[in-house]
Amino acid sequence: MIITTINNVPGKEIKEVYGFVSASTVRTKNIGKDIGASFKTLVGGEIKAYQEMMEEARKIAIGRMVEKAEAMGANAVIGMQISTSAIMAGASEVIAYGTAVLIEE
């Protein structure tokens, strides 16, 4: 599956547009990591537990989006974007979305 953040695949012709495709995941860390992150806010710096959580969430959301695009018959997603939002304290939703297309092989 080819994924681009632009609205085409350079050097390839789009044969068919299947339309909007999206997928999401909501992730949270356990209480032990939340306590560790709380201490980190006192001294500053990167909160690795949350950085890792968000990286994992992006991978999951993109993977689910790819599965949906493949089910539509697509071999590429163009205009892909990722959006995040806080659901509650310590929990975030990550959404991956774009346009599912069939490009020439």
PDB file of N, CA and C in Angstrom:
ATOM      1  N   MET A   1       0.850  -1.180   0.000  1.00  0.00           N
ATOM      2  CA  MET A   1       0.000   0.000   0.000  1.00  0.00           C
ATOM      3  C   MET A   1       0.890   1.236   0.000  1.00  0.00           C
ATOM      4  N   ILE A   2       0.664   2.097  -0.967  1.00  0.00           N
ATOM      5  CA  ILE A   2       1.381   3.363  -1.030  1.00  0.00           C
ATOM      6  C   ILE A   2       0.541   4.400  -0.284  1.00  0.00           C
ATOM      7  N   ILE A   3       1.194   5.164   0.581  1.00  0.00           N
ATOM      8  CA  ILE A   3       0.507   6.219   1.329  1.00  0.00           C
ATOM      9  C   ILE A   3       1.273   7.510   1.093  1.00  0.00           C
ATOM     10  N   THR A   4       0.542   8.548   0.658  1.00  0.00           N
ATOM     11  CA  THR A   4       1.168   9.858   0.476  1.00  0.00           C
ATOM     12  C   THR A   4       0.353  10.912   1.213  1.00  0.00           C
ATOM     13  N   THR A   5       1.033  11.984   1.580  1.00  0.00           N
ATOM     14  CA  THR A   5       0.334  13.108   2.198  1.00  0.00           C
ATOM     15  C   THR A   5      -0.063  14.147   1.151  1.00  0.00           C
ATOM     16  N   ILE A   6       0.355  13.919  -0.077  1.00  0.00           N
ATOM     17  CA  ILE A   6      -0.036  14.795  -1.181  1.00  0.00           C
ATOM     18  C   ILE A   6      -1.202  14.145  -1.924  1.00  0.00           C
ATOM     19  N   ASN A   7      -1.786  14.856  -2.859  1.00  0.00           N
ATOM     20  CA  ASN A   7      -3.004  14.370  -3.509  1.00  0.00           C
ATOM     21  C   ASN A   7      -2.760  13.567  -4.779  1.00  0.00           C
ATOM     22  N   ASN A   8      -1.591  12.968  -4.870  1.00  0.00           N
ATOM     23  CA  ASN A   8      -1.301  12.064  -5.987  1.00  0.00           C
ATOM     24  C   ASN A   8      -0.137  11.172  -5.602  1.00  0.00           C
ATOM     25  N   VAL A   9       0.220  10.280  -6.509  1.00  0.00           N
ATOM     26  CA  VAL A   9       1.423   9.460  -6.357  1.00  0.00           C
ATOM     27  C   VAL A   9       2.310   9.844  -7.534  1.00  0.00           C
ATOM     28  N   PRO A  10       3.390  10.558  -7.275  1.00  0.00           N
ATOM     29  CA  PRO A  10       4.234  11.037  -8.379  1.00  0.00           C
ATOM     30  C   PRO A  10       4.617   9.920  -9.352  1.00  0.00           C
ATOM     31  N   GLY A  11       4.409  10.200 -10.626  1.00  0.00           N
ATOM     32  CA  GLY A  11       4.759   9.244 -11.670  1.00  0.00           C
ATOM     33  C   GLY A  11       3.728   8.165 -11.914  1.00  0.00           C
ATOM     34  N   LYS A  12       2.628   8.186 -11.167  1.00  0.00           N
ATOM     35  CA  LYS A  12       1.586   7.167 -11.326  1.00  0.00           C
ATOM     36  C   LYS A  12       0.252   7.827 -11.654  1.00  0.00           C
ATOM     37  N   GLU A  13      -0.513   7.161 -12.491  1.00  0.00           N
ATOM     38  CA  GLU A  13      -1.846   7.649 -12.847  1.00  0.00           C
ATOM     39  C   GLU A  13      -2.883   7.018 -11.929  1.00  0.00           C
ATOM     40  N   ILE A  14      -3.805   7.836 -11.454  1.00  0.00           N
ATOM     41  CA  ILE A  14      -4.910   7.325 -10.638  1.00  0.00           C
ATOM     42  C   ILE A  14      -5.963   6.764 -11.581  1.00  0.00           C
ATOM     43  N   LYS A  15      -6.238   5.474 -11.441  1.00  0.00           N
ATOM     44  CA  LYS A  15      -7.205   4.798 -12.312  1.00  0.00           C
ATOM     45  C   LYS A  15      -8.628   4.890 -11.767  1.00  0.00           C
ATOM     46  N   GLU A  16      -8.744   4.883 -10.425  1.00  0.00           N
ATOM     47  CA  GLU A  16     -10.070   4.926  -9.817  1.00  0.00           C
ATOM     48  C   GLU A  16      -9.957   5.545  -8.429  1.00  0.00           C
ATOM     49  N   VAL A  17     -10.970   6.326  -8.061  1.00  0.00           N
ATOM     50  CA  VAL A  17     -11.043   6.924  -6.728  1.00  0.00           C
ATOM     51  C   VAL A  17     -12.175   6.226  -5.984  1.00  0.00           C
ATOM     52  N   TYR A  18     -11.833   5.611  -4.855  1.00  0.00           N
ATOM     53  CA  TYR A  18     -12.840   4.909  -4.061  1.00  0.00           C
ATOM     54  C   TYR A  18     -13.455   5.806  -2.998  1.00  0.00           C
ATOM     55  N   GLY A  19     -12.733   6.822  -2.579  1.00  0.00           N
ATOM     56  CA  GLY A  19     -13.289   7.778  -1.638  1.00  0.00           C
ATOM     57  C   GLY A  19     -12.604   7.796  -0.290  1.00  0.00           C
ATOM     58  N   PHE A  20     -13.243   8.497   0.616  1.00  0.00           N
ATOM     59  CA  PHE A  20     -12.718   8.739   1.953  1.00  0.00           C
ATOM     60  C   PHE A  20     -12.549   7.436   2.717  1.00  0.00           C
ATOM     61  N   VAL A  21     -11.417   7.324   3.402  1.00  0.00           N
ATOM     62  CA  VAL A  21     -11.160   6.166   4.251  1.00  0.00           C
ATOM     63  C   VAL A  21     -10.527   6.681   5.538  1.00  0.00           C
ATOM     64  N   SER A  22     -10.974   6.140   6.675  1.00  0.00           N
ATOM     65  CA  SER A  22     -10.425   6.580   7.957  1.00  0.00           C
ATOM     66  C   SER A  22     -10.451   5.436   8.963  1.00  0.00           C
ATOM     67  N   ALA A  23      -9.642   5.595   9.988  1.00  0.00           N
ATOM     68  CA  ALA A  23      -9.631   4.637  11.085  1.00  0.00           C
ATOM     69  C   ALA A  23      -9.027   5.328  12.296  1.00  0.00           C
ATOM     70  N   SER A  24      -9.373   4.839  13.473  1.00  0.00           N
ATOM     71  CA  SER A  24      -8.871   5.476  14.680  1.00  0.00           C
ATOM     72  C   SER A  24      -8.596   4.456  15.771  1.00  0.00           C
ATOM     73  N   THR A  25      -7.943   4.938  16.810  1.00  0.00           N
ATOM     74  CA  THR A  25      -7.735   4.163  18.021  1.00  0.00           C
ATOM     75  C   THR A  25      -7.717   5.136  19.192  1.00  0.00           C
ATOM     76  N   VAL A  26      -8.159   4.674  20.328  1.00  0.00           N
ATOM     77  CA  VAL A  26      -8.093   5.461  21.557  1.00  0.00           C
ATOM     78  C   VAL A  26      -7.152   4.713  22.488  1.00  0.00           C
ATOM     79  N   ARG A  27      -6.133   5.410  22.958  1.00  0.00           N
ATOM     80  CA  ARG A  27      -5.095   4.781  23.766  1.00  0.00           C
ATOM     81  C   ARG A  27      -4.928   5.501  25.095  1.00  0.00           C
ATOM     82  N   THR A  28      -4.528   4.740  26.108  1.00  0.00           N
ATOM     83  CA  THR A  28      -4.211   5.297  27.408  1.00  0.00           C
ATOM     84  C   THR A  28      -3.074   4.484  28.025  1.00  0.00           C
ATOM     85  N   LYS A  29      -2.344   5.093  28.908  1.00  0.00           N
ATOM     86  CA  LYS A  29      -1.282   4.408  29.641  1.00  0.00           C
ATOM     87  C   LYS A  29      -1.827   3.971  30.990  1.00  0.00           C
ATOM     88  N   ASN A  30      -1.123   3.019  31.609  1.00  0.00           N
ATOM     89  CA  ASN A  30      -1.574   2.535  32.913  1.00  0.00           C
ATOM     90  C   ASN A  30      -1.214   3.517  34.017  1.00  0.00           C
ATOM     91  N   ILE A  31      -1.766   3.319  35.187  1.00  0.00           N
ATOM     92  CA  ILE A  31      -1.617   4.247  36.300  1.00  0.00           C
ATOM     93  C   ILE A  31      -0.159   4.437  36.702  1.00  0.00           C
ATOM     94  N   GLY A  32       0.648   3.395  36.636  1.00  0.00           N
ATOM     95  CA  GLY A  32       2.069   3.510  36.984  1.00  0.00           C
ATOM     96  C   GLY A  32       2.794   4.477  36.067  1.00  0.00           C
ATOM     97  N   LYS A  33       2.526   4.385  34.787  1.00  0.00           N
ATOM     98  CA  LYS A  33       3.167   5.297  33.837  1.00  0.00           C
ATOM     99  C   LYS A  33       2.613   6.703  33.976  1.00  0.00           C
ATOM    100  N   ASP A  34       1.317   6.830  34.321  1.00  0.00           N
ATOM    101  CA  ASP A  34       0.737   8.156  34.540  1.00  0.00           C
ATOM    102  C   ASP A  34       1.408   8.855  35.727  1.00  0.00           C
ATOM    103  N   ILE A  35       1.694   8.107  36.778  1.00  0.00           N
ATOM    104  CA  ILE A  35       2.361   8.692  37.943  1.00  0.00           C
ATOM    105  C   ILE A  35       3.765   9.152  37.559  1.00  0.00           C
ATOM    106  N   GLY A  36       4.476   8.308  36.804  1.00  0.00           N
ATOM    107  CA  GLY A  36       5.809   8.686  36.336  1.00  0.00           C
ATOM    108  C   GLY A  36       5.770   9.932  35.471  1.00  0.00           C
ATOM    109  N   ALA A  37       4.778  10.028  34.614  1.00  0.00           N
ATOM    110  CA  ALA A  37       4.634  11.199  33.746  1.00  0.00           C
ATOM    111  C   ALA A  37       4.324  12.440  34.571  1.00  0.00           C
ATOM    112  N   SER A  38       3.545  12.294  35.636  1.00  0.00           N
ATOM    113  CA  SER A  38       3.235  13.426  36.501  1.00  0.00           C
ATOM    114  C   SER A  38       4.489  13.993  37.136  1.00  0.00           C
ATOM    115  N   PHE A  39       5.401  13.132  37.570  1.00  0.00           N
ATOM    116  CA  PHE A  39       6.663  13.598  38.141  1.00  0.00           C
ATOM    117  C   PHE A  39       7.499  14.319  37.090  1.00  0.00           C
ATOM    118  N   LYS A  40       7.444  13.838  35.861  1.00  0.00           N
ATOM    119  CA  LYS A  40       8.228  14.453  34.788  1.00  0.00           C
ATOM    120  C   LYS A  40       7.773  15.886  34.529  1.00  0.00           C
ATOM    121  N   THR A  41       6.498  16.165  34.732  1.00  0.00           N
ATOM    122  CA  THR A  41       6.014  17.529  34.507  1.00  0.00           C
ATOM    123  C   THR A  41       6.612  18.513  35.500  1.00  0.00           C
ATOM    124  N   LEU A  42       7.093  18.026  36.618  1.00  0.00           N
ATOM    125  CA  LEU A  42       7.713  18.906  37.615  1.00  0.00           C
ATOM    126  C   LEU A  42       9.092  19.386  37.179  1.00  0.00           C
ATOM    127  N   VAL A  43       9.832  18.540  36.470  1.00  0.00           N
ATOM    128  CA  VAL A  43      11.205  18.883  36.081  1.00  0.00           C
ATOM    129  C   VAL A  43      11.343  19.201  34.607  1.00  0.00           C
ATOM    130  N   GLY A  44      10.349  18.884  33.822  1.00  0.00           N
ATOM    131  CA  GLY A  44      10.391  19.154  32.385  1.00  0.00           C
ATOM    132  C   GLY A  44      11.064  18.046  31.604  1.00  0.00           C
ATOM    133  N   GLY A  45      10.962  18.125  30.292  1.00  0.00           N
ATOM    134  CA  GLY A  45      11.577  17.139  29.410  1.00  0.00           C
ATOM    135  C   GLY A  45      10.552  16.262  28.712  1.00  0.00           C
ATOM    136  N   GLU A  46      11.069  15.365  27.911  1.00  0.00           N
ATOM    137  CA  GLU A  46      10.218  14.461  27.139  1.00  0.00           C
ATOM    138  C   GLU A  46       9.620  13.395  28.039  1.00  0.00           C
ATOM    139  N   ILE A  47       8.337  13.128  27.818  1.00  0.00           N
ATOM    140  CA  ILE A  47       7.655  12.064  28.556  1.00  0.00           C
ATOM    141  C   ILE A  47       7.615  10.856  27.633  1.00  0.00           C
ATOM    142  N   LYS A  48       8.612   9.998  27.758  1.00  0.00           N
ATOM    143  CA  LYS A  48       8.784   8.873  26.836  1.00  0.00           C
ATOM    144  C   LYS A  48       7.584   7.933  26.814  1.00  0.00           C
ATOM    145  N   ALA A  49       6.952   7.702  27.960  1.00  0.00           N
ATOM    146  CA  ALA A  49       5.815   6.779  27.998  1.00  0.00           C
ATOM    147  C   ALA A  49       4.698   7.259  27.074  1.00  0.00           C
ATOM    148  N   TYR A  50       4.442   8.564  27.067  1.00  0.00           N
ATOM    149  CA  TYR A  50       3.390   9.094  26.209  1.00  0.00           C
ATOM    150  C   TYR A  50       3.847   9.187  24.759  1.00  0.00           C
ATOM    151  N   GLN A  51       5.110   9.485  24.547  1.00  0.00           N
ATOM    152  CA  GLN A  51       5.640   9.517  23.181  1.00  0.00           C
ATOM    153  C   GLN A  51       5.501   8.137  22.544  1.00  0.00           C
ATOM    154  N   GLU A  52       5.840   7.101  23.297  1.00  0.00           N
ATOM    155  CA  GLU A  52       5.708   5.727  22.797  1.00  0.00           C
ATOM    156  C   GLU A  52       4.249   5.358  22.570  1.00  0.00           C
ATOM    157  N   MET A  53       3.374   5.789  23.473  1.00  0.00           N
ATOM    158  CA  MET A  53       1.942   5.506  23.324  1.00  0.00           C
ATOM    159  C   MET A  53       1.402   6.130  22.037  1.00  0.00           C
ATOM    160  N   MET A  54       1.780   7.373  21.768  1.00  0.00           N
ATOM    161  CA  MET A  54       1.273   8.055  20.581  1.00  0.00           C
ATOM    162  C   MET A  54       1.853   7.458  19.307  1.00  0.00           C
ATOM    163  N   GLU A  55       3.114   7.045  19.324  1.00  0.00           N
ATOM    164  CA  GLU A  55       3.715   6.391  18.156  1.00  0.00           C
ATOM    165  C   GLU A  55       2.988   5.086  17.851  1.00  0.00           C
ATOM    166  N   GLU A  56       2.716   4.312  18.887  1.00  0.00           N
ATOM    167  CA  GLU A  56       1.975   3.063  18.716  1.00  0.00           C
ATOM    168  C   GLU A  56       0.564   3.339  18.185  1.00  0.00           C
ATOM    169  N   ALA A  57      -0.079   4.368  18.712  1.00  0.00           N
ATOM    170  CA  ALA A  57      -1.439   4.719  18.271  1.00  0.00           C
ATOM    171  C   ALA A  57      -1.447   5.115  16.802  1.00  0.00           C
ATOM    172  N   ARG A  58      -0.452   5.892  16.361  1.00  0.00           N
ATOM    173  CA  ARG A  58      -0.386   6.274  14.942  1.00  0.00           C
ATOM    174  C   ARG A  58      -0.240   5.042  14.055  1.00  0.00           C
ATOM    175  N   LYS A  59       0.624   4.112  14.455  1.00  0.00           N
ATOM    176  CA  LYS A  59       0.819   2.882  13.674  1.00  0.00           C
ATOM    177  C   LYS A  59      -0.472   2.076  13.591  1.00  0.00           C
ATOM    178  N   ILE A  60      -1.182   1.966  14.697  1.00  0.00           N
ATOM    179  CA  ILE A  60      -2.436   1.209  14.714  1.00  0.00           C
ATOM    180  C   ILE A  60      -3.479   1.872  13.813  1.00  0.00           C
ATOM    181  N   ALA A  61      -3.638   3.189  13.942  1.00  0.00           N
ATOM    182  CA  ALA A  61      -4.639   3.905  13.140  1.00  0.00           C
ATOM    183  C   ALA A  61      -4.322   3.791  11.654  1.00  0.00           C
ATOM    184  N   ILE A  62      -3.055   3.969  11.283  1.00  0.00           N
ATOM    185  CA  ILE A  62      -2.677   3.842   9.867  1.00  0.00           C
ATOM    186  C   ILE A  62      -2.893   2.420   9.389  1.00  0.00           C
ATOM    187  N   GLY A  63      -2.541   1.431  10.185  1.00  0.00           N
ATOM    188  CA  GLY A  63      -2.753   0.032   9.807  1.00  0.00           C
ATOM    189  C   GLY A  63      -4.219  -0.286   9.567  1.00  0.00           C
ATOM    190  N   ARG A  64      -5.083   0.218  10.420  1.00  0.00           N
ATOM    191  CA  ARG A  64      -6.526   0.002  10.253  1.00  0.00           C
ATOM    192  C   ARG A  64      -7.049   0.711   9.015  1.00  0.00           C
ATOM    193  N   MET A  65      -6.528   1.914   8.756  1.00  0.00           N
ATOM    194  CA  MET A  65      -6.934   2.659   7.561  1.00  0.00           C
ATOM    195  C   MET A  65      -6.534   1.879   6.308  1.00  0.00           C
ATOM    196  N   VAL A  66      -5.321   1.331   6.306  1.00  0.00           N
ATOM    197  CA  VAL A  66      -4.849   0.544   5.166  1.00  0.00           C
ATOM    198  C   VAL A  66      -5.741  -0.670   4.943  1.00  0.00           C
ATOM    199  N   GLU A  67      -6.112  -1.353   6.017  1.00  0.00           N
ATOM    200  CA  GLU A  67      -7.002  -2.514   5.892  1.00  0.00           C
ATOM    201  C   GLU A  67      -8.331  -2.123   5.243  1.00  0.00           C
ATOM    202  N   LYS A  68      -8.892  -0.989   5.647  1.00  0.00           N
ATOM    203  CA  LYS A  68     -10.153  -0.528   5.064  1.00  0.00           C
ATOM    204  C   LYS A  68      -9.978  -0.163   3.591  1.00  0.00           C
ATOM    205  N   ALA A  69      -8.858   0.489   3.274  1.00  0.00           N
ATOM    206  CA  ALA A  69      -8.600   0.866   1.878  1.00  0.00           C
ATOM    207  C   ALA A  69      -8.451  -0.374   1.008  1.00  0.00           C
ATOM    208  N   GLU A  70      -7.729  -1.371   1.505  1.00  0.00           N
ATOM    209  CA  GLU A  70      -7.570  -2.625   0.754  1.00  0.00           C
ATOM    210  C   GLU A  70      -8.912  -3.308   0.543  1.00  0.00           C
ATOM    211  N   ALA A  71      -9.779  -3.272   1.546  1.00  0.00           N
ATOM    212  CA  ALA A  71     -11.102  -3.886   1.421  1.00  0.00           C
ATOM    213  C   ALA A  71     -11.941  -3.184   0.350  1.00  0.00           C
ATOM    214  N   MET A  72     -11.650  -1.923   0.092  1.00  0.00           N
ATOM    215  CA  MET A  72     -12.349  -1.164  -0.950  1.00  0.00           C
ATOM    216  C   MET A  72     -11.777  -1.465  -2.333  1.00  0.00           C
ATOM    217  N   GLY A  73     -10.608  -2.118  -2.392  1.00  0.00           N
ATOM    218  CA  GLY A  73      -9.954  -2.398  -3.664  1.00  0.00           C
ATOM    219  C   GLY A  73      -8.811  -1.456  -3.987  1.00  0.00           C
ATOM    220  N   ALA A  74      -8.458  -0.581  -3.049  1.00  0.00           N
ATOM    221  CA  ALA A  74      -7.413   0.412  -3.283  1.00  0.00           C
ATOM    222  C   ALA A  74      -6.015  -0.184  -3.118  1.00  0.00           C
ATOM    223  N   ASN A  75      -5.052   0.429  -3.805  1.00  0.00           N
ATOM    224  CA  ASN A  75      -3.655   0.068  -3.586  1.00  0.00           C
ATOM    225  C   ASN A  75      -2.832   1.283  -3.157  1.00  0.00           C
ATOM    226  N   ALA A  76      -3.535   2.392  -2.865  1.00  0.00           N
ATOM    227  CA  ALA A  76      -2.877   3.597  -2.379  1.00  0.00           C
ATOM    228  C   ALA A  76      -3.873   4.457  -1.612  1.00  0.00           C
ATOM    229  N   VAL A  77      -3.342   5.253  -0.691  1.00  0.00           N
ATOM    230  CA  VAL A  77      -4.128   6.271   0.001  1.00  0.00           C
ATOM    231  C   VAL A  77      -3.392   7.586  -0.216  1.00  0.00           C
ATOM    232  N   ILE A  78      -4.104   8.559  -0.768  1.00  0.00           N
ATOM    233  CA  ILE A  78      -3.500   9.864  -1.019  1.00  0.00           C
ATOM    234  C   ILE A  78      -4.099  10.896  -0.065  1.00  0.00           C
ATOM    235  N   GLY A  79      -3.373  11.983   0.137  1.00  0.00           N
ATOM    236  CA  GLY A  79      -3.857  13.039   1.012  1.00  0.00           C
ATOM    237  C   GLY A  79      -4.006  12.595   2.450  1.00  0.00           C
ATOM    238  N   MET A  80      -3.199  11.634   2.876  1.00  0.00           N
ATOM    239  CA  MET A  80      -3.318  11.085   4.220  1.00  0.00           C
ATOM    240  C   MET A  80      -2.937  12.124   5.268  1.00  0.00           C
ATOM    241  N   GLN A  81      -3.725  12.182   6.317  1.00  0.00           N
ATOM    242  CA  GLN A  81      -3.452  13.052   7.454  1.00  0.00           C
ATOM    243  C   GLN A  81      -3.728  12.300   8.739  1.00  0.00           C
ATOM    244  N   ILE A  82      -3.133  12.797   9.806  1.00  0.00           N
ATOM    245  CA  ILE A  82      -3.365  12.234  11.137  1.00  0.00           C
ATOM    246  C   ILE A  82      -3.842  13.360  12.032  1.00  0.00           C
ATOM    247  N   SER A  83      -4.844  13.053  12.824  1.00  0.00           N
ATOM    248  CA  SER A  83      -5.386  14.027  13.766  1.00  0.00           C
ATOM    249  C   SER A  83      -5.456  13.373  15.139  1.00  0.00           C
ATOM    250  N   THR A  84      -5.267  14.162  16.176  1.00  0.00           N
ATOM    251  CA  THR A  84      -5.371  13.640  17.539  1.00  0.00           C
ATOM    252  C   THR A  84      -6.312  14.510  18.347  1.00  0.00           C
ATOM    253  N   SER A  85      -6.893  13.907  19.359  1.00  0.00           N
ATOM    254  CA  SER A  85      -7.717  14.668  20.285  1.00  0.00           C
ATOM    255  C   SER A  85      -7.680  13.982  21.648  1.00  0.00           C
ATOM    256  N   ALA A  86      -7.807  14.780  22.687  1.00  0.00           N
ATOM    257  CA  ALA A  86      -7.867  14.241  24.044  1.00  0.00           C
ATOM    258  C   ALA A  86      -9.297  13.792  24.309  1.00  0.00           C
ATOM    259  N   ILE A  87      -9.445  12.573  24.755  1.00  0.00           N
ATOM    260  CA  ILE A  87     -10.765  12.023  25.065  1.00  0.00           C
ATOM    261  C   ILE A  87     -11.091  12.280  26.537  1.00  0.00           C
ATOM    262  N   MET A  88     -10.093  12.041  27.380  1.00  0.00           N
ATOM    263  CA  MET A  88     -10.185  12.282  28.821  1.00  0.00           C
ATOM    264  C   MET A  88      -8.754  12.392  29.335  1.00  0.00           C
ATOM    265  N   ALA A  89      -8.579  12.678  30.592  1.00  0.00           N
ATOM    266  CA  ALA A  89      -7.225  12.802  31.145  1.00  0.00           C
ATOM    267  C   ALA A  89      -6.459  11.500  30.928  1.00  0.00           C
ATOM    268  N   GLY A  90      -5.335  11.589  30.219  1.00  0.00           N
ATOM    269  CA  GLY A  90      -4.493  10.415  30.003  1.00  0.00           C
ATOM    270  C   GLY A  90      -4.908   9.543  28.835  1.00  0.00           C
ATOM    271  N   ALA A  91      -5.940   9.918  28.093  1.00  0.00           N
ATOM    272  CA  ALA A  91      -6.386   9.120  26.945  1.00  0.00           C
ATOM    273  C   ALA A  91      -6.494  10.011  25.716  1.00  0.00           C
ATOM    274  N   SER A  92      -5.988   9.504  24.598  1.00  0.00           N
ATOM    275  CA  SER A  92      -6.018  10.258  23.349  1.00  0.00           C
ATOM    276  C   SER A  92      -6.551   9.394  22.221  1.00  0.00           C
ATOM    277  N   GLU A  93      -7.251  10.047  21.297  1.00  0.00           N
ATOM    278  CA  GLU A  93      -7.704   9.383  20.073  1.00  0.00           C
ATOM    279  C   GLU A  93      -6.801   9.837  18.942  1.00  0.00           C
ATOM    280  N   VAL A  94      -6.378   8.890  18.127  1.00  0.00           N
ATOM    281  CA  VAL A  94      -5.599   9.185  16.930  1.00  0.00           C
ATOM    282  C   VAL A  94      -6.413   8.705  15.742  1.00  0.00           C
ATOM    283  N   ILE A  95      -6.616   9.592  14.760  1.00  0.00           N
ATOM    284  CA  ILE A  95      -7.379   9.273  13.562  1.00  0.00           C
ATOM    285  C   ILE A  95      -6.471   9.444  12.349  1.00  0.00           C
ATOM    286  N   ALA A  96      -6.425   8.427  11.501  1.00  0.00           N
ATOM    287  CA  ALA A  96      -5.719   8.507  10.222  1.00  0.00           C
ATOM    288  C   ALA A  96      -6.776   8.503   9.129  1.00  0.00           C
ATOM    289  N   TYR A  97      -6.616   9.404   8.150  1.00  0.00           N
ATOM    290  CA  TYR A  97      -7.620   9.470   7.083  1.00  0.00           C
ATOM    291  C   TYR A  97      -7.014   9.973   5.787  1.00  0.00           C
ATOM    292  N   GLY A  98      -7.672   9.636   4.694  1.00  0.00           N
ATOM    293  CA  GLY A  98      -7.236  10.057   3.379  1.00  0.00           C
ATOM    294  C   GLY A  98      -8.217   9.592   2.332  1.00  0.00           C
ATOM    295  N   THR A  99      -7.763   9.557   1.086  1.00  0.00           N
ATOM    296  CA  THR A  99      -8.598   9.118  -0.028  1.00  0.00           C
ATOM    297  C   THR A  99      -8.034   7.820  -0.594  1.00  0.00           C
ATOM    298  N   ALA A 100      -8.859   6.781  -0.607  1.00  0.00           N
ATOM    299  CA  ALA A 100      -8.459   5.484  -1.137  1.00  0.00           C
ATOM    300  C   ALA A 100      -8.558   5.527  -2.668  1.00  0.00           C
ATOM    301  N   VAL A 101      -7.474   5.121  -3.348  1.00  0.00           N
ATOM    302  CA  VAL A 101      -7.428   5.145  -4.808  1.00  0.00           C
ATOM    303  C   VAL A 101      -6.783   3.885  -5.340  1.00  0.00           C
ATOM    304  N   LEU A 102      -7.023   3.648  -6.613  1.00  0.00           N
ATOM    305  CA  LEU A 102      -6.322   2.597  -7.349  1.00  0.00           C
ATOM    306  C   LEU A 102      -5.397   3.298  -8.320  1.00  0.00           C
ATOM    307  N   ILE A 103      -4.110   3.016  -8.215  1.00  0.00           N
ATOM    308  CA  ILE A 103      -3.144   3.613  -9.132  1.00  0.00           C
ATOM    309  C   ILE A 103      -2.617   2.534 -10.074  1.00  0.00           C
ATOM    310  N   GLU A 104      -2.068   3.001 -11.200  1.00  0.00           N
ATOM    311  CA  GLU A 104      -1.480   2.042 -12.140  1.00  0.00           C
ATOM    312  C   GLU A 104      -0.317   1.341 -11.464  1.00  0.00           C
ATOM    313  N   GLU A 105      -0.143   0.096 -11.831  1.00  0.00           N
ATOM    314  CA  GLU A 105       0.958  -0.710 -11.250  1.00  0.00           C
ATOM    315  C   GLU A 105       2.278  -0.380 -11.882  1.00  0.00           C
TER     316      GLU A 105
END
